[in-house]
Structures are given as C-alpha cells and as structure tokens.
Amino acid sequence: MKILYKVYQLFIALPILLIATALAAITTSVGCMLFSAHFWGYWPGRIWSKIFCNVLLLPVKVEGREHLQPGQSYVFVANHQGPMDIFLIYGYLHRNFKWMMKKSLRKIPLVGYACEKAGFIFVDKSGPKAIQHTIDSARRTLKNGTSLVVFPEGSRTFTGHMGLFRKGAFQLADDIGLPVVPMTIDGSFDVLTRMAGFNFVNRHPMRLVIHKPIVPTESGSLGVKATMDEAYRVIMEALPEHHQGYVKNTDQ
C-alpha cells in the first residue's frame, strides 16, 4: 500500500496540487488587486488547503471551534510540526485570518506575491523601524473579525517536540489588546517529517485542537510572559505523550 500511495502522489496528486497552487496564487493576486483582500486573501487559500488535504487522502479532525466568538479578532499561536501545518490551519480553522510569516517567504514564485497582495504580514527584524512597521501593519489588519496566525517557535521541529516560544506574537497581542488562542497541531510531523530535499507524504491523521482564548489579566512584560507560558503549557499538554517535553531546536 505504501508503494501504491507513493505512485499515486507522484503521478496523480503532484500534478493536481501544482496546478491548484498556481490557480490559488493567481486567483488571490487578481482578486485582491481588483476587489477586497478580506475575501480574496482568504477564501482561495482555504479552498486550496482543503484540496491539498483531500487529494493527499489525509484524515483531518478539528476540536474546539466552539471556543471562538463570531466577529472577534484573535492572535492564534500554534506549535510548528511541519509544512502541512499551513494546510491544516488554512483549510480547517474556519476563521478569516492573515499569516505572520518570514520576510524570506516573499521570494517564493507566485505564492509570495499572492501572500503580499492578500495582506499577510512579513516579519522584518532588520531594525527598530522595521519592527515597528510590522506592528503597525498588524494593527491595521486585525479588525472587523480578521485574526492573525503565528508560529511562535519561528521554525519547524526536527523531532516532533516543541522548541522555545518567542514573545513577538504575545507582545503584539498585548499592544493591540487581543486575546491569544493557543492551537495544538498533532500528526503533521508524521505526515511530512522535516528533512532535506524531496520527501514523500505519509498517510497519517492530522488533528487541530483550538483551545480556549487566553485573556491577559495584566498588561506589560509580566502579562506577556504569563500569556506565553500559559499558551505553551496548554499546547504541550494536548500533544501525544511521545511528542511531549521540550527538545532544543538548533534552527531557532
């Protein structure tokens, strides 16, 4: 069965997904230029992500959507198990949001341009002015129910375990006054383990757990740290036992 699945990926899934990616990027770019980035910056990507998971025959389970209030903006934070995290969140969170992503991702052909037109926030850490520009962009974006999704680890895991969280997303939530929603991603690492070069997908269930929003009880550095620590704890506890515990990520 594993050999058949690899053949399926190579000769059926791969061509479909390449075409779907190009169409999603073009639709997003044109739609955002001509119409509203609120709609066209979200829906093509959501449909594309569901196509990805369905074409790869990956079972998906989502828990906790009932914790979210309609019309409320949030800062979502999640552990980063692998590339499939993007499709799991984009396709199945069911909230209009923008990604906070590395500036280097803007260079990806077609996709990077579409992300820019969609209003995604590219993190520039080149200096204080650049960092402030990132915060100002997020503040303008996070309104009318639009949320933000961040991977606080900043890089994918090599082991399935969580690395350290950086405080940027939590500081941003504190500055803007938004609740932080932790999300646990489970199974993405088993679907596509991090390694150099081309790698086949393993057919494995993926699970997205949306936890209760964390509303800080105080502002400032103490509140930021308390929110970050609580989010880390909650995300960790929902992971399976074999992926619990901190493991140093040399890529951080």
C-alpha atoms as a PDB file:
ATOM      1  CA  MET A   1       0.000   0.000   0.000  1.00  0.00           C
ATOM      2  CA  LYS A   2       2.856   2.418   0.789  1.00  0.00           C
ATOM      3  CA  ILE A   3       4.335   1.879  -2.672  1.00  0.00           C
ATOM      4  CA  LEU A   4       0.950   2.465  -4.320  1.00  0.00           C
ATOM      5  CA  TYR A   5       0.486   5.640  -2.279  1.00  0.00           C
ATOM      6  CA  LYS A   6       3.881   6.925  -3.434  1.00  0.00           C
ATOM      7  CA  VAL A   7       2.998   6.207  -7.057  1.00  0.00           C
ATOM      8  CA  TYR A   8      -0.323   7.990  -6.545  1.00  0.00           C
ATOM      9  CA  GLN A   9       1.477  11.015  -5.073  1.00  0.00           C
ATOM     10  CA  LEU A  10       3.985  11.224  -7.891  1.00  0.00           C
ATOM     11  CA  PHE A  11       1.749  10.748 -10.916  1.00  0.00           C
ATOM     12  CA  ILE A  12      -1.690  11.940  -9.760  1.00  0.00           C
ATOM     13  CA  ALA A  13      -1.505  14.093  -6.643  1.00  0.00           C
ATOM     14  CA  LEU A  14       1.584  16.122  -7.544  1.00  0.00           C
ATOM     15  CA  PRO A  15       0.297  17.425 -10.928  1.00  0.00           C
ATOM     16  CA  ILE A  16      -3.091  18.282  -9.402  1.00  0.00           C
ATOM     17  CA  LEU A  17      -1.542  20.112  -6.461  1.00  0.00           C
ATOM     18  CA  LEU A  18       0.905  22.073  -8.624  1.00  0.00           C
ATOM     19  CA  ILE A  19      -1.971  23.283 -10.790  1.00  0.00           C
ATOM     20  CA  ALA A  20      -4.111  24.017  -7.721  1.00  0.00           C
ATOM     21  CA  THR A  21      -1.276  26.043  -6.167  1.00  0.00           C
ATOM     22  CA  ALA A  22      -0.782  28.134  -9.293  1.00  0.00           C
ATOM     23  CA  LEU A  23      -4.520  28.754  -9.659  1.00  0.00           C
ATOM     24  CA  ALA A  24      -4.898  29.694  -5.986  1.00  0.00           C
ATOM     25  CA  ALA A  25      -1.981  32.133  -6.173  1.00  0.00           C
ATOM     26  CA  ILE A  26      -3.240  33.751  -9.382  1.00  0.00           C
ATOM     27  CA  THR A  27      -6.834  33.961  -8.121  1.00  0.00           C
ATOM     28  CA  THR A  28      -5.697  35.501  -4.848  1.00  0.00           C
ATOM     29  CA  SER A  29      -3.445  38.043  -6.569  1.00  0.00           C
ATOM     30  CA  VAL A  30      -6.005  39.159  -9.143  1.00  0.00           C
ATOM     31  CA  GLY A  31      -8.912  39.097  -6.694  1.00  0.00           C
ATOM     32  CA  CYS A  32      -7.042  41.224  -4.147  1.00  0.00           C
ATOM     33  CA  MET A  33      -5.974  43.729  -6.797  1.00  0.00           C
ATOM     34  CA  LEU A  34      -9.486  44.166  -8.194  1.00  0.00           C
ATOM     35  CA  PHE A  35     -11.679  43.545  -5.177  1.00  0.00           C
ATOM     36  CA  SER A  36     -11.440  43.041  -1.411  1.00  0.00           C
ATOM     37  CA  ALA A  37      -8.358  41.431   0.138  1.00  0.00           C
ATOM     38  CA  HIS A  38     -10.555  40.487   3.106  1.00  0.00           C
ATOM     39  CA  PHE A  39     -12.394  37.966   0.907  1.00  0.00           C
ATOM     40  CA  TRP A  40      -9.911  37.114  -1.837  1.00  0.00           C
ATOM     41  CA  GLY A  41      -6.988  36.980   0.559  1.00  0.00           C
ATOM     42  CA  TYR A  42      -8.659  34.179   2.489  1.00  0.00           C
ATOM     43  CA  TRP A  43     -11.116  32.026   0.530  1.00  0.00           C
ATOM     44  CA  PRO A  44      -8.895  30.839  -2.364  1.00  0.00           C
ATOM     45  CA  GLY A  45      -6.275  29.773   0.187  1.00  0.00           C
ATOM     46  CA  ARG A  46      -8.837  27.962   2.306  1.00  0.00           C
ATOM     47  CA  ILE A  47     -10.190  26.028  -0.689  1.00  0.00           C
ATOM     48  CA  TRP A  48      -6.630  25.289  -1.905  1.00  0.00           C
ATOM     49  CA  SER A  49      -5.698  23.892   1.508  1.00  0.00           C
ATOM     50  CA  LYS A  50      -8.709  21.589   1.646  1.00  0.00           C
ATOM     51  CA  ILE A  51      -7.919  20.367  -1.859  1.00  0.00           C
ATOM     52  CA  PHE A  52      -4.370  19.610  -0.698  1.00  0.00           C
ATOM     53  CA  CYS A  53      -5.504  17.502   2.260  1.00  0.00           C
ATOM     54  CA  ASN A  54      -8.242  15.730   0.306  1.00  0.00           C
ATOM     55  CA  VAL A  55      -6.086  14.923  -2.715  1.00  0.00           C
ATOM     56  CA  LEU A  56      -3.424  13.501  -0.398  1.00  0.00           C
ATOM     57  CA  LEU A  57      -6.160  11.440   1.326  1.00  0.00           C
ATOM     58  CA  LEU A  58      -5.289  12.797   4.770  1.00  0.00           C
ATOM     59  CA  PRO A  59      -7.891  12.419   7.556  1.00  0.00           C
ATOM     60  CA  VAL A  60      -8.404  15.671   9.498  1.00  0.00           C
ATOM     61  CA  LYS A  61     -10.037  16.196  12.893  1.00  0.00           C
ATOM     62  CA  VAL A  62     -10.751  19.597  14.453  1.00  0.00           C
ATOM     63  CA  GLU A  63     -11.645  20.204  18.092  1.00  0.00           C
ATOM     64  CA  GLY A  64     -12.631  23.384  19.913  1.00  0.00           C
ATOM     65  CA  ARG A  65     -14.170  25.714  17.326  1.00  0.00           C
ATOM     66  CA  GLU A  66     -16.922  26.385  19.883  1.00  0.00           C
ATOM     67  CA  HIS A  67     -14.416  28.391  21.934  1.00  0.00           C
ATOM     68  CA  LEU A  68     -14.351  31.173  19.347  1.00  0.00           C
ATOM     69  CA  GLN A  69     -16.771  34.111  19.237  1.00  0.00           C
ATOM     70  CA  PRO A  70     -18.161  35.383  15.895  1.00  0.00           C
ATOM     71  CA  GLY A  71     -16.735  38.730  14.837  1.00  0.00           C
ATOM     72  CA  GLN A  72     -13.889  38.655  17.359  1.00  0.00           C
ATOM     73  CA  SER A  73     -10.296  39.102  16.228  1.00  0.00           C
ATOM     74  CA  TYR A  74      -7.688  36.838  17.801  1.00  0.00           C
ATOM     75  CA  VAL A  75      -3.974  36.152  17.728  1.00  0.00           C
ATOM     76  CA  PHE A  76      -3.724  32.394  17.113  1.00  0.00           C
ATOM     77  CA  VAL A  77      -0.481  30.698  18.146  1.00  0.00           C
ATOM     78  CA  ALA A  78       0.417  27.092  17.300  1.00  0.00           C
ATOM     79  CA  ASN A  79       3.288  24.641  17.518  1.00  0.00           C
ATOM     80  CA  HIS A  80       5.043  24.116  14.190  1.00  0.00           C
ATOM     81  CA  GLN A  81       5.343  20.433  13.247  1.00  0.00           C
ATOM     82  CA  GLY A  82       5.866  20.749   9.513  1.00  0.00           C
ATOM     83  CA  PRO A  83       4.750  22.117   6.128  1.00  0.00           C
ATOM     84  CA  MET A  84       1.309  20.505   6.437  1.00  0.00           C
ATOM     85  CA  ASP A  85       0.527  22.865   9.337  1.00  0.00           C
ATOM     86  CA  ILE A  86      -0.233  25.516   6.729  1.00  0.00           C
ATOM     87  CA  PHE A  87      -2.917  23.446   5.039  1.00  0.00           C
ATOM     88  CA  LEU A  88      -4.386  22.185   8.300  1.00  0.00           C
ATOM     89  CA  ILE A  89      -4.879  25.677   9.728  1.00  0.00           C
ATOM     90  CA  TYR A  90      -5.763  27.456   6.483  1.00  0.00           C
ATOM     91  CA  GLY A  91      -8.278  24.846   5.451  1.00  0.00           C
ATOM     92  CA  TYR A  92      -9.867  23.890   8.756  1.00  0.00           C
ATOM     93  CA  LEU A  93      -9.651  26.738  11.279  1.00  0.00           C
ATOM     94  CA  HIS A  94     -12.655  28.365   9.559  1.00  0.00           C
ATOM     95  CA  ARG A  95     -11.695  31.912  10.586  1.00  0.00           C
ATOM     96  CA  ASN A  96     -10.687  34.756   8.296  1.00  0.00           C
ATOM     97  CA  PHE A  97      -7.083  35.489   9.194  1.00  0.00           C
ATOM     98  CA  LYS A  98      -3.705  36.674   7.967  1.00  0.00           C
ATOM     99  CA  TRP A  99      -0.429  34.831   8.384  1.00  0.00           C
ATOM    100  CA  MET A 100       2.584  36.357  10.086  1.00  0.00           C
ATOM    101  CA  MET A 101       5.481  34.941   8.122  1.00  0.00           C
ATOM    102  CA  LYS A 102       9.207  35.246   7.475  1.00  0.00           C
ATOM    103  CA  LYS A 103      10.181  38.001   5.050  1.00  0.00           C
ATOM    104  CA  SER A 104      12.182  35.482   3.002  1.00  0.00           C
ATOM    105  CA  LEU A 105       8.949  33.681   2.001  1.00  0.00           C
ATOM    106  CA  ARG A 106       8.047  36.697  -0.150  1.00  0.00           C
ATOM    107  CA  LYS A 107      10.585  35.356  -2.687  1.00  0.00           C
ATOM    108  CA  ILE A 108       8.574  32.184  -3.476  1.00  0.00           C
ATOM    109  CA  PRO A 109       7.403  32.490  -7.106  1.00  0.00           C
ATOM    110  CA  LEU A 110       3.682  33.312  -7.469  1.00  0.00           C
ATOM    111  CA  VAL A 111       2.903  32.330  -3.878  1.00  0.00           C
ATOM    112  CA  GLY A 112       4.994  35.093  -2.296  1.00  0.00           C
ATOM    113  CA  TYR A 113       3.350  37.746  -4.456  1.00  0.00           C
ATOM    114  CA  ALA A 114      -0.109  36.367  -3.641  1.00  0.00           C
ATOM    115  CA  CYS A 115       0.714  36.487   0.079  1.00  0.00           C
ATOM    116  CA  GLU A 116       1.711  40.132  -0.215  1.00  0.00           C
ATOM    117  CA  LYS A 117      -1.492  41.056  -2.070  1.00  0.00           C
ATOM    118  CA  ALA A 118      -3.545  39.111   0.481  1.00  0.00           C
ATOM    119  CA  GLY A 119      -2.216  41.359   3.223  1.00  0.00           C
ATOM    120  CA  PHE A 120      -0.134  38.775   5.056  1.00  0.00           C
ATOM    121  CA  ILE A 121       2.379  40.302   7.448  1.00  0.00           C
ATOM    122  CA  PHE A 122       6.044  39.747   6.617  1.00  0.00           C
ATOM    123  CA  VAL A 123       8.281  39.985   9.669  1.00  0.00           C
ATOM    124  CA  ASP A 124      11.233  42.302   9.140  1.00  0.00           C
ATOM    125  CA  LYS A 125      13.734  42.304  12.019  1.00  0.00           C
ATOM    126  CA  SER A 126      16.356  44.441  10.308  1.00  0.00           C
ATOM    127  CA  GLY A 127      15.963  47.280  12.813  1.00  0.00           C
ATOM    128  CA  PRO A 128      13.625  49.097  15.234  1.00  0.00           C
ATOM    129  CA  LYS A 129      11.821  50.965  12.436  1.00  0.00           C
ATOM    130  CA  ALA A 130      11.199  47.732  10.524  1.00  0.00           C
ATOM    131  CA  ILE A 131       9.867  46.013  13.650  1.00  0.00           C
ATOM    132  CA  GLN A 132       7.574  48.946  14.360  1.00  0.00           C
ATOM    133  CA  HIS A 133       6.332  48.802  10.753  1.00  0.00           C
ATOM    134  CA  THR A 134       5.434  45.117  11.294  1.00  0.00           C
ATOM    135  CA  ILE A 135       3.457  46.006  14.426  1.00  0.00           C
ATOM    136  CA  ASP A 136       1.675  48.880  12.664  1.00  0.00           C
ATOM    137  CA  SER A 137       0.747  46.590   9.750  1.00  0.00           C
ATOM    138  CA  ALA A 138      -0.725  44.041  12.150  1.00  0.00           C
ATOM    139  CA  ARG A 139      -2.689  46.708  13.989  1.00  0.00           C
ATOM    140  CA  ARG A 140      -4.266  47.906  10.737  1.00  0.00           C
ATOM    141  CA  THR A 141      -5.079  44.344   9.686  1.00  0.00           C
ATOM    142  CA  LEU A 142      -6.582  42.969  12.891  1.00  0.00           C
ATOM    143  CA  LYS A 143     -10.050  44.473  12.769  1.00  0.00           C
ATOM    144  CA  ASN A 144     -13.567  43.522  11.688  1.00  0.00           C
ATOM    145  CA  GLY A 145     -13.056  39.953  12.888  1.00  0.00           C
ATOM    146  CA  THR A 146      -9.815  39.371  10.964  1.00  0.00           C
ATOM    147  CA  SER A 147      -7.299  37.428  13.032  1.00  0.00           C
ATOM    148  CA  LEU A 148      -3.607  36.609  12.882  1.00  0.00           C
ATOM    149  CA  VAL A 149      -1.880  33.202  12.904  1.00  0.00           C
ATOM    150  CA  VAL A 150       1.687  32.898  14.172  1.00  0.00           C
ATOM    151  CA  PHE A 151       4.111  30.041  14.806  1.00  0.00           C
ATOM    152  CA  PRO A 152       5.967  31.391  17.881  1.00  0.00           C
ATOM    153  CA  GLU A 153       8.751  28.823  17.523  1.00  0.00           C
ATOM    154  CA  GLY A 154       9.720  30.519  14.270  1.00  0.00           C
ATOM    155  CA  SER A 155      10.814  27.268  12.635  1.00  0.00           C
ATOM    156  CA  ARG A 156       9.649  23.689  12.134  1.00  0.00           C
ATOM    157  CA  THR A 157      10.577  20.950  14.538  1.00  0.00           C
ATOM    158  CA  PHE A 158      13.122  18.260  13.679  1.00  0.00           C
ATOM    159  CA  THR A 159      11.739  15.803  16.257  1.00  0.00           C
ATOM    160  CA  GLY A 160       8.005  16.431  16.676  1.00  0.00           C
ATOM    161  CA  HIS A 161       8.707  18.073  20.034  1.00  0.00           C
ATOM    162  CA  MET A 162       8.216  21.762  20.742  1.00  0.00           C
ATOM    163  CA  GLY A 163      11.077  24.233  20.862  1.00  0.00           C
ATOM    164  CA  LEU A 164      11.096  27.610  22.594  1.00  0.00           C
ATOM    165  CA  PHE A 165       8.449  30.266  22.009  1.00  0.00           C
ATOM    166  CA  ARG A 166       9.466  33.768  21.003  1.00  0.00           C
ATOM    167  CA  LYS A 167       7.488  36.574  22.587  1.00  0.00           C
ATOM    168  CA  GLY A 168       6.741  38.619  19.442  1.00  0.00           C
ATOM    169  CA  ALA A 169       3.192  37.369  18.881  1.00  0.00           C
ATOM    170  CA  PHE A 170       2.327  37.726  22.553  1.00  0.00           C
ATOM    171  CA  GLN A 171       3.795  41.220  22.705  1.00  0.00           C
ATOM    172  CA  LEU A 172       1.733  42.129  19.650  1.00  0.00           C
ATOM    173  CA  ALA A 173      -1.451  40.781  21.251  1.00  0.00           C
ATOM    174  CA  ASP A 174      -0.672  42.831  24.357  1.00  0.00           C
ATOM    175  CA  ASP A 175      -0.005  46.003  22.337  1.00  0.00           C
ATOM    176  CA  ILE A 176      -3.259  45.682  20.370  1.00  0.00           C
ATOM    177  CA  GLY A 177      -5.340  44.266  23.218  1.00  0.00           C
ATOM    178  CA  LEU A 178      -6.440  40.968  21.657  1.00  0.00           C
ATOM    179  CA  PRO A 179      -6.989  37.525  23.201  1.00  0.00           C
ATOM    180  CA  VAL A 180      -4.439  34.837  22.385  1.00  0.00           C
ATOM    181  CA  VAL A 181      -5.780  31.455  21.229  1.00  0.00           C
ATOM    182  CA  PRO A 182      -3.377  28.503  21.569  1.00  0.00           C
ATOM    183  CA  MET A 183      -3.720  25.725  19.000  1.00  0.00           C
ATOM    184  CA  THR A 184      -2.172  22.276  19.151  1.00  0.00           C
ATOM    185  CA  ILE A 185      -1.152  20.630  15.887  1.00  0.00           C
ATOM    186  CA  ASP A 186      -0.789  16.865  16.104  1.00  0.00           C
ATOM    187  CA  GLY A 187       0.072  14.456  13.286  1.00  0.00           C
ATOM    188  CA  SER A 188       1.553  16.918  10.810  1.00  0.00           C
ATOM    189  CA  PHE A 189       5.072  15.803  11.749  1.00  0.00           C
ATOM    190  CA  ASP A 190       4.114  12.194  10.981  1.00  0.00           C
ATOM    191  CA  VAL A 191       2.684  13.205   7.605  1.00  0.00           C
ATOM    192  CA  LEU A 192       5.799  15.017   6.419  1.00  0.00           C
ATOM    193  CA  THR A 193       8.914  14.798   8.565  1.00  0.00           C
ATOM    194  CA  ARG A 194      11.434  17.604   8.202  1.00  0.00           C
ATOM    195  CA  MET A 195      14.401  16.612   6.051  1.00  0.00           C
ATOM    196  CA  ALA A 196      16.429  17.987   3.167  1.00  0.00           C
ATOM    197  CA  GLY A 197      15.247  17.517  -0.405  1.00  0.00           C
ATOM    198  CA  PHE A 198      12.094  15.896  -1.762  1.00  0.00           C
ATOM    199  CA  ASN A 199      10.155  13.678   0.606  1.00  0.00           C
ATOM    200  CA  PHE A 200       7.011  11.608   0.109  1.00  0.00           C
ATOM    201  CA  VAL A 201       3.978  12.213   2.300  1.00  0.00           C
ATOM    202  CA  ASN A 202       2.910   9.550   4.802  1.00  0.00           C
ATOM    203  CA  ARG A 203      -0.809   8.957   5.113  1.00  0.00           C
ATOM    204  CA  HIS A 204      -1.457   9.799   8.757  1.00  0.00           C
ATOM    205  CA  PRO A 205      -4.350  11.569  10.557  1.00  0.00           C
ATOM    206  CA  MET A 206      -3.896  15.216  11.487  1.00  0.00           C
ATOM    207  CA  ARG A 207      -5.579  16.900  14.423  1.00  0.00           C
ATOM    208  CA  LEU A 208      -6.093  20.601  15.173  1.00  0.00           C
ATOM    209  CA  VAL A 209      -7.081  21.452  18.740  1.00  0.00           C
ATOM    210  CA  ILE A 210      -8.353  25.013  19.281  1.00  0.00           C
ATOM    211  CA  HIS A 211      -8.034  25.873  22.949  1.00  0.00           C
ATOM    212  CA  LYS A 212      -9.897  28.487  24.964  1.00  0.00           C
ATOM    213  CA  PRO A 213      -8.753  32.082  24.387  1.00  0.00           C
ATOM    214  CA  ILE A 214      -6.335  33.490  26.939  1.00  0.00           C
ATOM    215  CA  VAL A 215      -7.353  36.966  28.085  1.00  0.00           C
ATOM    216  CA  PRO A 216      -4.419  38.604  29.915  1.00  0.00           C
ATOM    217  CA  THR A 217      -5.147  39.747  33.459  1.00  0.00           C
ATOM    218  CA  GLU A 218      -2.422  42.388  33.274  1.00  0.00           C
ATOM    219  CA  SER A 219      -0.551  44.272  30.570  1.00  0.00           C
ATOM    220  CA  GLY A 220       3.144  44.844  30.122  1.00  0.00           C
ATOM    221  CA  SER A 221       6.072  42.431  30.237  1.00  0.00           C
ATOM    222  CA  LEU A 222       4.685  40.345  33.107  1.00  0.00           C
ATOM    223  CA  GLY A 223       1.383  39.840  31.312  1.00  0.00           C
ATOM    224  CA  VAL A 224       3.145  38.962  28.059  1.00  0.00           C
ATOM    225  CA  LYS A 225       5.282  36.318  29.771  1.00  0.00           C
ATOM    226  CA  ALA A 226       2.307  34.875  31.662  1.00  0.00           C
ATOM    227  CA  THR A 227       0.285  34.552  28.439  1.00  0.00           C
ATOM    228  CA  MET A 228       3.218  32.986  26.566  1.00  0.00           C
ATOM    229  CA  ASP A 229       3.877  30.471  29.338  1.00  0.00           C
ATOM    230  CA  GLU A 230       0.207  29.513  29.576  1.00  0.00           C
ATOM    231  CA  ALA A 231      -0.108  29.085  25.806  1.00  0.00           C
ATOM    232  CA  TYR A 232       2.999  26.891  25.767  1.00  0.00           C
ATOM    233  CA  ARG A 233       1.678  24.721  28.587  1.00  0.00           C
ATOM    234  CA  VAL A 234      -1.761  24.270  27.029  1.00  0.00           C
ATOM    235  CA  ILE A 235      -0.385  23.385  23.590  1.00  0.00           C
ATOM    236  CA  MET A 236       2.125  20.942  25.060  1.00  0.00           C
ATOM    237  CA  GLU A 237      -0.460  19.116  27.192  1.00  0.00           C
ATOM    238  CA  ALA A 238      -2.612  18.311  24.149  1.00  0.00           C
ATOM    239  CA  LEU A 239       0.243  16.628  22.286  1.00  0.00           C
ATOM    240  CA  PRO A 240       0.542  12.827  22.422  1.00  0.00           C
ATOM    241  CA  GLU A 241       2.919  11.599  25.114  1.00  0.00           C
ATOM    242  CA  HIS A 242       5.695  10.678  22.674  1.00  0.00           C
ATOM    243  CA  HIS A 243       5.893  14.303  21.499  1.00  0.00           C
ATOM    244  CA  GLN A 244       5.646  15.971  24.890  1.00  0.00           C
ATOM    245  CA  GLY A 245       8.604  17.675  26.510  1.00  0.00           C
ATOM    246  CA  TYR A 246      10.915  20.413  25.270  1.00  0.00           C
ATOM    247  CA  VAL A 247      13.650  19.463  22.798  1.00  0.00           C
ATOM    248  CA  LYS A 248      16.161  22.060  21.654  1.00  0.00           C
ATOM    249  CA  ASN A 249      15.673  23.100  18.034  1.00  0.00           C
ATOM    250  CA  THR A 250      19.032  24.047  16.516  1.00  0.00           C
ATOM    251  CA  ASP A 251      17.208  26.022  13.820  1.00  0.00           C
ATOM    252  CA  GLN A 252      15.809  28.546  16.299  1.00  0.00           C
END
